[in-house]
Amino acid sequence: MRPDLYDRVMSAWDDHLGRLLQQAGVLSDVDDMSSGSELPIDPELQDHFRRAHVILEQLGRKAPQSELERRINGIPGFVILAGADGKVRAAGRQARRTLNNPADVAALRPHLAAQSVQMLDGLLESARAGRINAQTMVLNTDIRPRHLIARVTTCPDTAGQLMIEGLDYQWTPAAERMLVASFGLSPAEVDIVRNLMDGRSLKEIAEKSRKSEHTVRNQTKSVLAKTGAPGQVDLIRLVAFLIDRGNQLSTAGHPGAVDLRNEVLEMRTGLKMQLYQCGAPDGHPVIYLHGMLDGMAPLEYLKPRFHQRGLRVLAPVRPGYGRSDPVSDPMANLEVMSEHVLELIDRFGLKRVAILGHMAGSVQGHVVCAGGDARIRGMVAVAGCGPILRREHYAGMARRQRIMAYTARWAPNLLPFFVRAGISLIDSENVQTFMDALYPPDSHERAVVDRLHLSELMHAGYRFAAQSGTDGFVSDSRVMVSDWFSALPQTGKPVIQLHGALDPVVPVNAVQEFTAKRTNVSFRKLDNVGQFLIYERPEVVLDAIDELPE
């Protein structure tokens, strides 16, 4: 309820749990922590945390402003994001100024041509029906910008939402040269294009250029033929995108929201599974298994490289995260996700698939590779871990992660509250505080975030991870402190385990110890690299994928 007190609550719990563990001799007398019962927690304290958890659930989740909404509200241009009901969710400064802080896209109607009003109504209907693939439209206005591009996009709820962007551009000599070089337009045809982009009709162009309307119409037809645009609207859209290299809403890079194609599939298990995709559509298939807090952020960072390497990446969302249905039992969770991975290979007709497991997702990858399916080449595990079973494994962890690991192992009934409290912090506007607790300002990881400008991308990952609530976190946390690997067969598909020597969460010696017990795993330590190996050394990760047997 008071996210600003999260750090104090966690510190108090750390002190209390530490005393209980010390009194029980766990921290001094026991090396193997895989056996032994849970700690006896004061019943009154348990009731307190249970009540707090119930209250948080009854209050519900605060709907955080999406990363996309944040970005739109912060940009200077003409952009509107509206729900399927037409209510404005976010708007750029020019749109707010021009339309006097619109509450509804209806404020735009008086400025649209009659045909454009019909197009707008059609797009809103498509958004209500969730038709994400509805045809993108160009709306003609009597304001600046003269043309708006409107399309239906995905949103967290089941319906779509409407994005309206100004087709702003800067007409320069370089733009003219680009049109001549790309399409072989004559100077007169370039002039036609420039006037159309300014919103002039063919009649107005004829009057301005002192040519007959017949001549202007023929020149326009020639331009359409050379550019391959079916009509004037398509021509305007094509040219605007070509010359507007600085499209202010481009999400091809970062920081900002993760912008990957995604859908929700009905699986044979009867569960829903969200699926993201990126990379080269006809490339070599890679199945990415995400971690607990990163979500799809690494894919957003790496997607240009996936294209360059000719890799097609499919990223199924594990149970309890994103929009995937949860599975309450942690071990059953691993089994279900393994089935989902194999079904995904079936559905898409994939052959010779590489697995890329990141952080906690690598545990799932080990389970999949142990199954020995002939279509799987193997896995590259990045910043992953084995089971946390011994005292030194816990001792080497960063403080905040160690608190959660201790809670998962010795007080699992209280884990949902602490996870839920963390989600409240992510939901709040204090998400940076959550990052500060995980990665203090003087840490190696924080230096990487600052150097590579990853902060907003990390925030987007946190919000994705928290989207469905506590189920995914709780399940993963309980798996991490259990002996999940002993039951796996010693043989399996090859695994290349990459780990940074400076990783503050999973000590490198613990990973070396784990991998030494697996005949199918080769371990590689990267010096001067921490937990964010996938961001610091992406080429090493991609090279390792290439090394897996074809």
Protein backbone atom coordinates (compact mmCIF):
# COMPACT_ATOMS: atom_id res chain seq x y z
CA MET A 1 0.00 0.00 0.00
CA ARG A 2 3.01 2.28 0.60
CA PRO A 3 5.56 1.31 -2.06
CA ASP A 4 7.95 3.92 -0.68
CA LEU A 5 8.34 1.74 2.43
CA TYR A 6 9.26 -1.40 0.46
CA ASP A 7 12.98 -1.17 1.17
CA ARG A 8 12.43 -0.73 4.92
CA VAL A 9 10.07 -3.72 5.03
CA MET A 10 12.56 -5.91 3.17
CA SER A 11 15.41 -4.83 5.46
CA ALA A 12 13.36 -5.61 8.57
CA TRP A 13 12.39 -9.02 7.17
CA ASP A 14 16.03 -9.71 6.26
CA ASP A 15 17.13 -9.00 9.84
CA HIS A 16 14.35 -11.12 11.35
CA LEU A 17 14.82 -14.07 8.99
CA GLY A 18 18.59 -13.91 9.51
CA ARG A 19 18.13 -14.21 13.28
CA LEU A 20 15.80 -17.19 12.86
CA LEU A 21 18.27 -18.94 10.56
CA GLN A 22 21.13 -18.23 12.97
CA GLN A 23 19.16 -19.58 15.93
CA ALA A 24 18.32 -22.72 13.95
CA GLY A 25 22.01 -23.23 13.15
CA VAL A 26 21.32 -23.09 9.43
CA LEU A 27 23.89 -20.38 8.73
CA SER A 28 26.72 -21.96 10.71
CA ASP A 29 26.20 -25.68 11.18
CA VAL A 30 24.72 -26.84 7.89
CA ASP A 31 26.35 -26.82 4.46
CA ASP A 32 23.75 -28.81 2.54
CA MET A 33 20.55 -26.76 2.69
CA SER A 34 18.55 -28.98 0.35
CA SER A 35 17.15 -31.03 3.23
CA GLY A 36 15.49 -29.97 6.44
CA SER A 37 12.10 -28.57 7.26
CA GLU A 38 10.83 -25.04 6.93
CA LEU A 39 11.52 -22.56 9.72
CA PRO A 40 8.85 -22.15 12.40
CA ILE A 41 7.54 -18.64 11.85
CA ASP A 42 5.58 -16.91 14.61
CA PRO A 43 1.86 -17.58 13.87
CA GLU A 44 0.95 -13.95 14.59
CA LEU A 45 3.55 -12.76 12.08
CA GLN A 46 2.29 -15.25 9.50
CA ASP A 47 -1.25 -13.98 10.01
CA HIS A 48 -0.04 -10.42 9.62
CA PHE A 49 1.60 -11.12 6.26
CA ARG A 50 -1.35 -13.19 5.06
CA ARG A 51 -3.73 -10.34 5.91
CA ALA A 52 -1.43 -7.86 4.18
CA HIS A 53 -1.38 -10.05 1.08
CA VAL A 54 -5.18 -10.32 1.08
CA ILE A 55 -5.50 -6.54 1.43
CA LEU A 56 -3.12 -5.95 -1.48
CA GLU A 57 -5.08 -8.37 -3.63
CA GLN A 58 -8.41 -6.79 -2.66
CA LEU A 59 -7.09 -3.33 -3.46
CA GLY A 60 -6.09 -4.68 -6.85
CA ARG A 61 -3.22 -3.77 -9.12
CA LYS A 62 -2.59 -0.16 -9.99
CA ALA A 63 -2.72 0.02 -13.76
CA PRO A 64 0.68 1.53 -14.49
CA GLN A 65 1.07 3.87 -17.38
CA SER A 66 2.46 1.77 -20.19
CA GLU A 67 5.92 2.46 -21.56
CA LEU A 68 4.30 3.48 -24.84
CA GLU A 69 2.04 5.98 -23.08
CA ARG A 70 5.01 7.44 -21.23
CA ARG A 71 6.92 7.94 -24.42
CA ILE A 72 4.00 9.47 -26.30
CA ASN A 73 3.27 11.94 -23.50
CA GLY A 74 6.90 12.98 -23.52
CA ILE A 75 7.47 13.62 -27.22
CA PRO A 76 6.93 16.98 -28.94
CA GLY A 77 5.09 15.80 -32.06
CA PHE A 78 1.53 15.03 -33.10
CA VAL A 79 0.71 11.58 -31.76
CA ILE A 80 -2.47 10.22 -30.16
CA LEU A 81 -2.99 6.83 -28.51
CA ALA A 82 -6.66 6.03 -27.92
CA GLY A 83 -8.57 3.04 -26.60
CA ALA A 84 -11.17 1.16 -28.57
CA ASP A 85 -13.76 3.44 -26.94
CA GLY A 86 -12.08 6.48 -28.47
CA LYS A 87 -10.83 7.80 -25.13
CA VAL A 88 -7.36 9.33 -25.40
CA ARG A 89 -4.78 7.41 -23.36
CA ALA A 90 -1.77 9.52 -24.29
CA ALA A 91 -0.94 12.39 -26.62
CA GLY A 92 2.19 14.18 -27.79
CA ARG A 93 2.63 17.87 -27.00
CA GLN A 94 1.67 19.09 -30.49
CA ALA A 95 -1.53 17.03 -30.41
CA ARG A 96 -2.42 18.34 -26.94
CA ARG A 97 -1.76 21.92 -28.02
CA THR A 98 -3.56 21.71 -31.38
CA LEU A 99 -6.64 19.90 -30.05
CA ASN A 100 -6.71 21.56 -26.61
CA ASN A 101 -5.86 18.49 -24.51
CA PRO A 102 -8.34 16.12 -26.16
CA ALA A 103 -10.13 13.57 -24.01
CA ASP A 104 -11.51 11.70 -27.03
CA VAL A 105 -10.49 11.26 -30.67
CA ALA A 106 -13.83 12.93 -31.48
CA ALA A 107 -11.90 16.19 -31.06
CA LEU A 108 -10.16 15.34 -34.32
CA ARG A 109 -13.32 14.87 -36.40
CA PRO A 110 -13.98 18.56 -37.28
CA HIS A 111 -10.50 18.72 -38.80
CA LEU A 112 -10.87 15.62 -41.02
CA ALA A 113 -12.13 15.27 -44.57
CA ALA A 114 -15.43 13.36 -44.84
CA GLN A 115 -13.77 10.20 -46.15
CA SER A 116 -11.19 10.36 -43.36
CA VAL A 117 -13.98 10.51 -40.75
CA GLN A 118 -15.33 7.25 -42.17
CA MET A 119 -11.84 5.73 -42.05
CA LEU A 120 -11.46 6.75 -38.40
CA ASP A 121 -14.82 5.17 -37.50
CA GLY A 122 -13.82 1.98 -39.29
CA LEU A 123 -10.53 1.77 -37.38
CA LEU A 124 -12.29 2.27 -34.04
CA GLU A 125 -14.66 -0.56 -34.93
CA SER A 126 -11.66 -2.76 -35.79
CA ALA A 127 -10.04 -1.87 -32.45
CA ARG A 128 -13.22 -2.86 -30.57
CA ALA A 129 -13.26 -6.17 -32.42
CA GLY A 130 -9.56 -6.73 -31.75
CA ARG A 131 -8.70 -6.82 -35.47
CA ILE A 132 -5.03 -5.95 -35.12
CA ASN A 133 -4.34 -6.56 -38.82
CA ALA A 134 -6.81 -3.88 -39.97
CA GLN A 135 -5.60 -1.80 -42.92
CA THR A 136 -3.53 1.23 -41.91
CA MET A 137 -5.12 4.48 -43.10
CA VAL A 138 -3.88 7.98 -43.95
CA LEU A 139 -6.24 10.71 -42.71
CA ASN A 140 -6.36 14.11 -44.43
CA THR A 141 -6.71 17.15 -42.14
CA ASP A 142 -7.06 20.92 -42.29
CA ILE A 143 -4.41 21.35 -39.60
CA ARG A 144 -0.69 20.71 -39.35
CA PRO A 145 0.34 18.04 -40.01
CA ARG A 146 -1.86 17.73 -43.10
CA HIS A 147 -1.69 13.92 -43.05
CA LEU A 148 -2.08 11.50 -40.16
CA ILE A 149 -1.35 7.80 -40.29
CA ALA A 150 -3.79 5.76 -38.18
CA ARG A 151 -3.55 2.08 -37.31
CA VAL A 152 -4.84 -0.48 -34.81
CA THR A 153 -2.21 -1.85 -32.43
CA THR A 154 -2.12 -4.42 -29.64
CA CYS A 155 -2.71 -3.50 -26.02
CA PRO A 156 -2.75 -5.40 -22.69
CA ASP A 157 -6.52 -5.96 -22.76
CA THR A 158 -8.34 -8.11 -25.29
CA ALA A 159 -9.34 -5.28 -27.62
CA GLY A 160 -7.03 -3.22 -29.79
CA GLN A 161 -6.08 0.41 -29.45
CA LEU A 162 -5.71 3.19 -32.00
CA MET A 163 -2.42 4.91 -32.80
CA ILE A 164 -2.57 8.16 -34.79
CA GLU A 165 0.72 9.76 -35.84
CA GLY A 166 1.47 12.87 -37.81
CA LEU A 167 3.28 12.21 -41.06
CA ASP A 168 5.76 14.94 -40.32
CA TYR A 169 8.81 15.14 -42.48
CA GLN A 170 11.49 17.59 -43.50
CA TRP A 171 11.63 18.13 -47.24
CA THR A 172 15.27 18.62 -48.15
CA PRO A 173 17.46 18.43 -51.26
CA ALA A 174 18.60 15.05 -49.92
CA ALA A 175 14.97 13.88 -49.92
CA GLU A 176 14.58 14.95 -53.54
CA ARG A 177 17.77 13.12 -54.50
CA MET A 178 16.51 10.00 -52.71
CA LEU A 179 13.27 10.04 -54.74
CA VAL A 180 15.16 10.52 -58.00
CA ALA A 181 17.69 7.79 -57.20
CA SER A 182 15.13 5.31 -55.82
CA PHE A 183 12.31 5.71 -58.34
CA GLY A 184 13.73 7.64 -61.27
CA LEU A 185 11.34 10.57 -60.82
CA SER A 186 11.77 13.62 -63.02
CA PRO A 187 12.05 17.12 -61.47
CA ALA A 188 8.41 17.81 -62.44
CA GLU A 189 7.30 14.56 -60.80
CA VAL A 190 9.26 15.36 -57.65
CA ASP A 191 7.41 18.68 -57.57
CA ILE A 192 4.09 16.81 -57.80
CA VAL A 193 5.09 14.66 -54.82
CA ARG A 194 6.12 17.68 -52.76
CA ASN A 195 2.78 19.41 -53.39
CA LEU A 196 0.79 16.27 -52.57
CA MET A 197 2.72 15.98 -49.31
CA ASP A 198 1.72 19.57 -48.52
CA GLY A 199 -1.92 18.54 -48.80
CA ARG A 200 -2.75 20.21 -52.09
CA SER A 201 -5.32 18.72 -54.44
CA LEU A 202 -4.54 18.08 -58.12
CA LYS A 203 -6.55 21.18 -59.01
CA GLU A 204 -4.57 23.31 -56.55
CA ILE A 205 -1.29 21.90 -57.89
CA ALA A 206 -2.36 22.77 -61.44
CA GLU A 207 -3.21 26.33 -60.45
CA LYS A 208 0.02 26.77 -58.50
CA SER A 209 2.21 25.38 -61.30
CA ARG A 210 0.17 27.01 -64.10
CA LYS A 211 -0.35 23.66 -65.78
CA SER A 212 -3.54 22.01 -66.92
CA GLU A 213 -5.21 19.67 -64.47
CA HIS A 214 -4.99 16.97 -67.15
CA THR A 215 -1.19 17.32 -67.25
CA VAL A 216 -0.93 17.18 -63.47
CA ARG A 217 -3.15 14.09 -63.36
CA ASN A 218 -0.95 12.31 -65.94
CA GLN A 219 2.21 13.22 -64.03
CA THR A 220 0.62 11.88 -60.85
CA LYS A 221 -0.21 8.59 -62.59
CA SER A 222 3.42 8.37 -63.72
CA VAL A 223 4.61 8.90 -60.14
CA LEU A 224 2.29 6.15 -58.88
CA ALA A 225 3.52 3.76 -61.56
CA LYS A 226 7.20 4.43 -60.81
CA THR A 227 6.84 4.13 -57.03
CA GLY A 228 4.45 1.18 -57.13
CA ALA A 229 1.98 2.98 -54.85
CA PRO A 230 -1.65 1.95 -55.56
CA GLY A 231 -2.98 5.45 -54.90
CA GLN A 232 -2.21 8.92 -53.59
CA VAL A 233 -2.77 7.92 -49.94
CA ASP A 234 -0.29 5.06 -50.25
CA LEU A 235 2.17 7.36 -52.02
CA ILE A 236 2.01 9.91 -49.20
CA ARG A 237 2.56 7.21 -46.60
CA LEU A 238 5.45 5.66 -48.54
CA VAL A 239 7.28 8.92 -49.13
CA ALA A 240 6.77 10.15 -45.57
CA PHE A 241 8.29 7.00 -44.14
CA LEU A 242 11.19 7.04 -46.58
CA ILE A 243 12.25 10.61 -45.90
CA ASP A 244 11.41 10.74 -42.22
CA ARG A 245 14.51 8.95 -40.92
CA GLY A 246 13.90 10.29 -37.46
CA ASN A 247 10.41 8.90 -36.95
CA GLN A 248 9.85 9.89 -33.35
CA LEU A 249 7.98 6.73 -32.42
CA SER A 250 10.40 4.28 -33.95
CA THR A 251 10.88 1.43 -31.50
CA ALA A 252 13.55 -0.41 -33.44
CA GLY A 253 16.02 0.42 -30.70
CA HIS A 254 15.89 1.40 -27.07
CA PRO A 255 15.32 2.80 -24.49
CA GLY A 256 11.58 2.34 -24.51
CA ALA A 257 8.89 -0.26 -24.71
CA VAL A 258 9.47 -3.70 -26.12
CA ASP A 259 7.93 -3.72 -29.59
CA LEU A 260 7.71 -7.32 -30.77
CA ARG A 261 4.97 -9.14 -32.63
CA ASN A 262 2.99 -11.26 -30.19
CA GLU A 263 -0.11 -13.42 -29.96
CA VAL A 264 -1.82 -15.75 -27.48
CA LEU A 265 -2.08 -19.43 -28.44
CA GLU A 266 -4.41 -22.13 -27.13
CA MET A 267 -2.16 -25.08 -26.28
CA ARG A 268 -2.92 -28.79 -26.15
CA THR A 269 -2.54 -28.63 -22.37
CA GLY A 270 -5.69 -26.50 -22.29
CA LEU A 271 -3.66 -23.46 -21.21
CA LYS A 272 -3.13 -20.16 -22.98
CA MET A 273 0.45 -19.25 -23.90
CA GLN A 274 1.65 -15.88 -25.13
CA LEU A 275 4.23 -15.97 -27.93
CA TYR A 276 6.59 -13.23 -29.11
CA GLN A 277 8.53 -13.33 -32.37
CA CYS A 278 11.31 -11.31 -33.95
CA GLY A 279 14.30 -11.70 -36.25
CA ALA A 280 14.54 -13.01 -39.80
CA PRO A 281 11.20 -14.69 -40.76
CA ASP A 282 12.94 -17.40 -42.79
CA GLY A 283 16.02 -17.67 -40.57
CA HIS A 284 17.38 -20.50 -38.44
CA PRO A 285 14.92 -21.07 -35.57
CA VAL A 286 15.80 -20.13 -31.99
CA ILE A 287 13.45 -20.56 -29.03
CA TYR A 288 14.14 -17.96 -26.33
CA LEU A 289 13.25 -18.81 -22.72
CA HIS A 290 13.03 -15.65 -20.61
CA GLY A 291 14.08 -15.13 -17.02
CA MET A 292 12.18 -13.83 -14.01
CA LEU A 293 12.67 -10.08 -14.36
CA ASP A 294 13.99 -9.46 -17.86
CA GLY A 295 10.92 -10.40 -19.87
CA MET A 296 11.47 -9.73 -23.56
CA ALA A 297 13.86 -6.80 -23.01
CA PRO A 298 16.94 -8.71 -24.27
CA LEU A 299 15.13 -9.55 -27.52
CA GLU A 300 14.34 -5.87 -28.10
CA TYR A 301 18.03 -5.11 -27.60
CA LEU A 302 19.22 -7.94 -29.83
CA LYS A 303 16.63 -7.96 -32.61
CA PRO A 304 18.77 -6.03 -35.15
CA ARG A 305 21.52 -8.60 -34.58
CA PHE A 306 19.08 -11.48 -34.99
CA HIS A 307 18.24 -10.11 -38.43
CA GLN A 308 21.92 -9.72 -39.30
CA ARG A 309 22.68 -13.29 -38.21
CA GLY A 310 19.68 -14.77 -40.02
CA LEU A 311 17.99 -16.02 -36.84
CA ARG A 312 14.25 -16.41 -36.40
CA VAL A 313 13.42 -16.07 -32.71
CA LEU A 314 10.26 -17.45 -31.09
CA ALA A 315 9.83 -16.52 -27.44
CA PRO A 316 7.08 -18.44 -25.62
CA VAL A 317 6.08 -16.81 -22.35
CA ARG A 318 6.46 -19.21 -19.46
CA PRO A 319 3.43 -20.04 -17.25
CA GLY A 320 2.50 -17.27 -14.83
CA TYR A 321 4.21 -14.49 -16.77
CA GLY A 322 2.82 -12.01 -19.29
CA ARG A 323 -0.50 -13.30 -20.62
CA SER A 324 0.32 -17.01 -20.19
CA ASP A 325 -1.85 -19.03 -17.83
CA PRO A 326 -0.19 -20.01 -14.52
CA VAL A 327 0.66 -23.50 -13.25
CA SER A 328 0.68 -23.57 -9.45
CA ASP A 329 3.01 -26.52 -8.81
CA PRO A 330 6.64 -25.53 -9.62
CA MET A 331 7.72 -28.92 -10.95
CA ALA A 332 4.53 -29.32 -12.97
CA ASN A 333 5.29 -25.85 -14.34
CA LEU A 334 8.56 -27.16 -15.83
CA GLU A 335 6.81 -30.17 -17.36
CA VAL A 336 4.02 -28.08 -18.89
CA MET A 337 6.44 -25.60 -20.42
CA SER A 338 8.48 -28.45 -21.91
CA GLU A 339 5.30 -29.69 -23.58
CA HIS A 340 4.58 -26.19 -24.85
CA VAL A 341 8.05 -25.89 -26.39
CA LEU A 342 7.65 -29.16 -28.27
CA GLU A 343 4.14 -28.21 -29.40
CA LEU A 344 5.52 -24.90 -30.66
CA ILE A 345 8.06 -26.80 -32.76
CA ASP A 346 5.21 -28.94 -34.14
CA ARG A 347 2.92 -26.02 -34.94
CA PHE A 348 5.51 -24.00 -36.80
CA GLY A 349 7.14 -26.98 -38.49
CA LEU A 350 10.55 -26.06 -37.08
CA LYS A 351 13.64 -28.12 -37.76
CA ARG A 352 16.96 -28.07 -35.90
CA VAL A 353 15.99 -25.57 -33.21
CA ALA A 354 18.47 -23.86 -30.90
CA ILE A 355 17.38 -22.97 -27.36
CA LEU A 356 18.52 -19.66 -25.85
CA GLY A 357 17.89 -19.72 -22.10
CA HIS A 358 18.37 -16.50 -20.14
CA MET A 359 18.82 -16.44 -16.37
CA ALA A 360 15.96 -18.45 -14.76
CA GLY A 361 14.77 -19.49 -18.21
CA SER A 362 17.89 -21.63 -18.58
CA VAL A 363 16.48 -24.05 -15.97
CA GLN A 364 13.59 -24.74 -18.33
CA GLY A 365 16.09 -25.08 -21.16
CA HIS A 366 18.03 -27.77 -19.28
CA VAL A 367 14.80 -29.72 -18.80
CA VAL A 368 13.94 -29.42 -22.50
CA CYS A 369 17.43 -30.49 -23.59
CA ALA A 370 17.37 -33.45 -21.22
CA GLY A 371 14.33 -34.73 -23.11
CA GLY A 372 16.55 -35.44 -26.11
CA ASP A 373 14.10 -34.41 -28.86
CA ALA A 374 15.88 -34.91 -32.19
CA ARG A 375 14.76 -31.53 -33.52
CA ILE A 376 16.62 -29.63 -30.80
CA ARG A 377 20.26 -28.72 -31.47
CA GLY A 378 21.02 -27.80 -27.87
CA MET A 379 21.03 -24.71 -25.69
CA VAL A 380 23.08 -21.63 -25.00
CA ALA A 381 22.44 -20.76 -21.33
CA VAL A 382 23.26 -17.15 -20.44
CA ALA A 383 23.71 -16.05 -16.80
CA GLY A 384 21.79 -19.13 -15.71
CA CYS A 385 22.17 -21.21 -12.60
CA GLY A 386 21.93 -24.64 -11.13
CA PRO A 387 19.94 -25.38 -7.99
CA ILE A 388 20.79 -23.26 -4.95
CA LEU A 389 21.38 -25.98 -2.36
CA ARG A 390 24.45 -25.14 -0.27
CA ARG A 391 25.28 -22.42 2.23
CA GLU A 392 28.00 -20.95 0.04
CA HIS A 393 25.53 -20.66 -2.85
CA TYR A 394 23.37 -18.36 -0.74
CA ALA A 395 26.34 -16.52 0.76
CA GLY A 396 27.62 -15.45 -2.65
CA MET A 397 24.33 -13.83 -3.70
CA ALA A 398 23.52 -10.13 -3.63
CA ARG A 399 21.54 -9.14 -0.53
CA ARG A 400 18.10 -8.58 -2.05
CA GLN A 401 18.20 -11.77 -4.11
CA ARG A 402 19.46 -13.71 -1.08
CA ILE A 403 16.47 -12.53 1.01
CA MET A 404 14.05 -13.87 -1.59
CA ALA A 405 15.99 -17.15 -1.89
CA TYR A 406 15.99 -17.64 1.90
CA THR A 407 12.26 -16.91 1.99
CA ALA A 408 11.54 -19.36 -0.83
CA ARG A 409 13.52 -22.09 0.94
CA TRP A 410 12.71 -21.56 4.61
CA ALA A 411 9.42 -19.60 4.67
CA PRO A 412 7.69 -20.39 1.36
CA ASN A 413 4.23 -19.59 2.72
CA LEU A 414 5.28 -15.95 3.12
CA LEU A 415 6.89 -15.68 -0.30
CA PRO A 416 3.72 -14.56 -2.15
CA PHE A 417 3.44 -11.46 0.06
CA PHE A 418 7.01 -10.29 -0.59
CA VAL A 419 6.64 -10.93 -4.30
CA ARG A 420 3.33 -9.03 -4.27
CA ALA A 421 4.96 -6.12 -2.42
CA GLY A 422 7.68 -5.98 -5.08
CA ILE A 423 5.01 -5.94 -7.79
CA SER A 424 3.37 -2.96 -6.06
CA LEU A 425 6.67 -1.14 -6.34
CA ILE A 426 6.94 -2.04 -10.03
CA ASP A 427 3.36 -0.85 -10.57
CA SER A 428 4.11 2.45 -8.87
CA GLU A 429 6.00 5.36 -10.32
CA ASN A 430 8.93 4.28 -8.11
CA VAL A 431 10.10 1.46 -10.36
CA GLN A 432 13.58 3.00 -10.30
CA THR A 433 13.63 2.28 -6.56
CA PHE A 434 13.07 -1.38 -7.38
CA MET A 435 16.07 -1.32 -9.71
CA ASP A 436 18.18 0.51 -7.11
CA ALA A 437 17.45 -2.25 -4.60
CA LEU A 438 18.52 -4.95 -7.06
CA TYR A 439 21.50 -3.12 -8.55
CA PRO A 440 22.95 -0.40 -6.28
CA PRO A 441 24.39 2.68 -8.02
CA ASP A 442 27.99 1.58 -7.37
CA SER A 443 27.56 -1.95 -8.78
CA HIS A 444 28.97 -3.32 -12.02
CA GLU A 445 25.45 -4.03 -13.29
CA ARG A 446 24.37 -0.45 -12.70
CA ALA A 447 27.40 0.81 -14.62
CA VAL A 448 26.36 -1.41 -17.55
CA VAL A 449 22.78 -0.09 -17.42
CA ASP A 450 24.05 3.50 -17.49
CA ARG A 451 26.69 2.92 -20.17
CA LEU A 452 24.35 1.09 -22.55
CA HIS A 453 21.29 3.25 -21.70
CA LEU A 454 19.27 0.22 -20.61
CA SER A 455 17.23 1.77 -17.80
CA GLU A 456 13.90 2.20 -19.61
CA LEU A 457 14.31 -1.16 -21.30
CA MET A 458 14.86 -2.80 -17.91
CA HIS A 459 11.78 -1.05 -16.53
CA ALA A 460 9.74 -2.44 -19.43
CA GLY A 461 11.04 -5.92 -18.58
CA TYR A 462 10.02 -5.54 -14.94
CA ARG A 463 6.50 -4.46 -15.90
CA PHE A 464 6.14 -7.37 -18.30
CA ALA A 465 7.30 -9.81 -15.63
CA ALA A 466 4.78 -8.42 -13.13
CA GLN A 467 1.88 -8.31 -15.59
CA SER A 468 0.18 -11.51 -14.36
CA GLY A 469 0.93 -11.15 -10.66
CA THR A 470 2.90 -13.42 -8.35
CA ASP A 471 2.52 -16.90 -9.86
CA GLY A 472 5.54 -16.88 -12.16
CA PHE A 473 7.88 -15.33 -9.57
CA VAL A 474 6.80 -17.68 -6.79
CA SER A 475 7.12 -20.78 -8.95
CA ASP A 476 10.58 -19.84 -10.23
CA SER A 477 11.82 -18.91 -6.76
CA ARG A 478 10.76 -22.26 -5.33
CA VAL A 479 12.35 -24.17 -8.23
CA MET A 480 15.66 -22.33 -7.75
CA VAL A 481 16.09 -23.58 -4.18
CA SER A 482 15.05 -27.17 -4.93
CA ASP A 483 17.00 -30.08 -6.37
CA TRP A 484 15.38 -29.93 -9.80
CA PHE A 485 18.27 -31.44 -11.75
CA SER A 486 18.96 -34.79 -10.04
CA ALA A 487 16.05 -36.46 -11.80
CA LEU A 488 17.31 -35.38 -15.24
CA PRO A 489 19.16 -38.00 -17.31
CA GLN A 490 22.91 -37.45 -17.50
CA THR A 491 22.82 -37.45 -21.26
CA GLY A 492 21.01 -34.83 -23.26
CA LYS A 493 21.40 -32.25 -25.95
CA PRO A 494 24.61 -30.19 -25.69
CA VAL A 495 24.52 -27.05 -23.57
CA ILE A 496 26.98 -24.15 -23.66
CA GLN A 497 26.76 -22.37 -20.29
CA LEU A 498 28.01 -18.75 -20.43
CA HIS A 499 28.54 -16.94 -17.14
CA GLY A 500 30.07 -13.65 -16.09
CA ALA A 501 32.76 -13.78 -13.43
CA LEU A 502 31.25 -10.71 -11.76
CA ASP A 503 27.66 -12.01 -11.59
CA PRO A 504 26.30 -10.80 -8.21
CA VAL A 505 23.23 -13.04 -8.16
CA VAL A 506 24.56 -16.46 -9.11
CA PRO A 507 28.19 -16.93 -8.02
CA VAL A 508 30.38 -18.27 -10.78
CA ASN A 509 31.75 -21.09 -8.61
CA ALA A 510 28.22 -22.38 -8.00
CA VAL A 511 27.62 -22.59 -11.74
CA GLN A 512 30.96 -24.33 -12.30
CA GLU A 513 30.06 -26.86 -9.63
CA PHE A 514 26.67 -27.54 -11.23
CA THR A 515 27.93 -27.87 -14.79
CA ALA A 516 30.74 -30.23 -13.74
CA LYS A 517 28.03 -32.76 -12.84
CA ARG A 518 26.47 -32.63 -16.31
CA THR A 519 28.25 -34.50 -19.09
CA ASN A 520 26.34 -32.60 -21.77
CA VAL A 521 27.27 -29.13 -20.47
CA SER A 522 30.38 -27.10 -21.29
CA PHE A 523 31.09 -24.10 -19.05
CA ARG A 524 32.63 -20.81 -20.18
CA LYS A 525 33.51 -18.01 -17.79
CA LEU A 526 33.72 -14.46 -19.10
CA ASP A 527 36.01 -12.19 -17.10
CA ASN A 528 35.02 -8.58 -16.34
CA VAL A 529 31.38 -9.38 -17.15
CA GLY A 530 28.43 -9.54 -14.76
CA GLN A 531 24.83 -10.69 -14.84
CA PHE A 532 24.02 -8.59 -17.92
CA LEU A 533 26.25 -10.72 -20.13
CA ILE A 534 23.62 -10.80 -22.89
CA TYR A 535 23.86 -7.00 -23.18
CA GLU A 536 27.61 -6.66 -22.56
CA ARG A 537 28.78 -9.43 -24.89
CA PRO A 538 25.96 -10.16 -27.37
CA GLU A 539 28.35 -11.42 -30.06
CA VAL A 540 29.65 -14.12 -27.71
CA VAL A 541 26.07 -15.31 -27.18
CA LEU A 542 25.27 -15.35 -30.90
CA ASP A 543 28.56 -17.07 -31.76
CA ALA A 544 27.73 -19.79 -29.23
CA ILE A 545 24.36 -20.37 -30.94
CA ASP A 546 26.24 -20.87 -34.22
CA GLU A 547 28.44 -23.47 -32.50
CA LEU A 548 25.56 -25.79 -31.61
CA PRO A 549 25.49 -28.85 -33.88
CA GLU A 550 23.31 -28.49 -36.98
